[in-house]
Amino acid sequence: MVELPRAPIERLIKRAGAERVSDGAVEALADVLEEEAIKIATRAIKLARHAGRKTVTEDDIKLARI
């Protein structure tokens, strides 16, 4: 189940140039974004722990997405 709100996802697709967006397209992109966000967050947590911290920082997120 996708936890991301639908309206911002639809706005992102429209910002990319779409005139109209189907519900299925919004749902599919939300699924993909959520999967990628979880992967990045998991890597960022590992980086924070490796650095001896419990707090995930902005830098951890930036490093994790590489």
Protein backbone atom coordinates (compact mmCIF):
# COMPACT_ATOMS: atom_id res chain seq x y z
CA MET A 1 0.00 0.00 0.00
CA VAL A 2 1.36 3.38 -1.04
CA GLU A 3 1.75 5.93 1.74
CA LEU A 4 2.60 8.88 -0.50
CA PRO A 5 -0.21 11.37 -1.17
CA ARG A 6 -1.61 11.19 -4.70
CA ALA A 7 -1.98 14.92 -5.46
CA PRO A 8 1.75 15.78 -5.31
CA ILE A 9 2.56 12.76 -7.48
CA GLU A 10 0.07 13.93 -10.09
CA ARG A 11 1.56 17.44 -9.95
CA LEU A 12 5.03 16.01 -10.55
CA ILE A 13 3.86 14.15 -13.63
CA LYS A 14 2.14 17.28 -14.94
CA ARG A 15 5.24 19.36 -14.20
CA ALA A 16 7.13 16.91 -16.40
CA GLY A 17 4.80 17.86 -19.25
CA ALA A 18 1.71 15.65 -19.12
CA GLU A 19 -1.61 17.35 -19.86
CA ARG A 20 -3.69 14.60 -18.28
CA VAL A 21 -2.71 11.85 -15.87
CA SER A 22 -4.55 8.59 -15.22
CA ASP A 23 -5.11 7.24 -11.73
CA GLY A 24 -3.06 4.21 -12.70
CA ALA A 25 -0.10 6.36 -13.71
CA VAL A 26 -0.20 8.20 -10.38
CA GLU A 27 -0.38 4.91 -8.49
CA ALA A 28 2.46 3.36 -10.52
CA LEU A 29 4.79 6.32 -9.99
CA ALA A 30 3.92 6.42 -6.29
CA ASP A 31 4.86 2.72 -6.01
CA VAL A 32 8.19 3.30 -7.76
CA LEU A 33 9.00 6.38 -5.68
CA GLU A 34 8.17 4.60 -2.46
CA GLU A 35 10.37 1.62 -3.35
CA GLU A 36 13.28 3.89 -4.23
CA ALA A 37 12.79 6.01 -1.09
CA ILE A 38 12.93 2.91 1.09
CA LYS A 39 16.13 1.75 -0.62
CA ILE A 40 17.76 5.16 -0.14
CA ALA A 41 16.61 5.39 3.48
CA THR A 42 17.97 1.92 4.23
CA ARG A 43 21.38 2.84 2.79
CA ALA A 44 21.34 6.15 4.71
CA ILE A 45 20.63 4.32 7.97
CA LYS A 46 23.61 2.06 7.35
CA LEU A 47 25.81 5.10 6.70
CA ALA A 48 24.66 6.78 9.92
CA ARG A 49 25.26 3.62 11.96
CA HIS A 50 28.69 3.19 10.38
CA ALA A 51 29.49 6.75 11.51
CA GLY A 52 28.38 5.86 15.04
CA ARG A 53 25.19 7.92 14.89
CA LYS A 54 21.54 7.11 15.45
CA THR A 55 20.40 10.20 13.56
CA VAL A 56 20.19 10.06 9.77
CA THR A 57 21.41 13.34 8.32
CA GLU A 58 20.88 15.16 5.05
CA ASP A 59 24.39 14.12 4.01
CA ASP A 60 23.56 10.45 4.65
CA ILE A 61 20.58 10.73 2.31
CA LYS A 62 22.63 12.49 -0.35
CA LEU A 63 25.39 9.86 -0.13
CA ALA A 64 22.91 7.00 -0.12
CA ARG A 65 21.28 8.01 -3.39
CA ILE A 66 24.56 7.64 -5.31
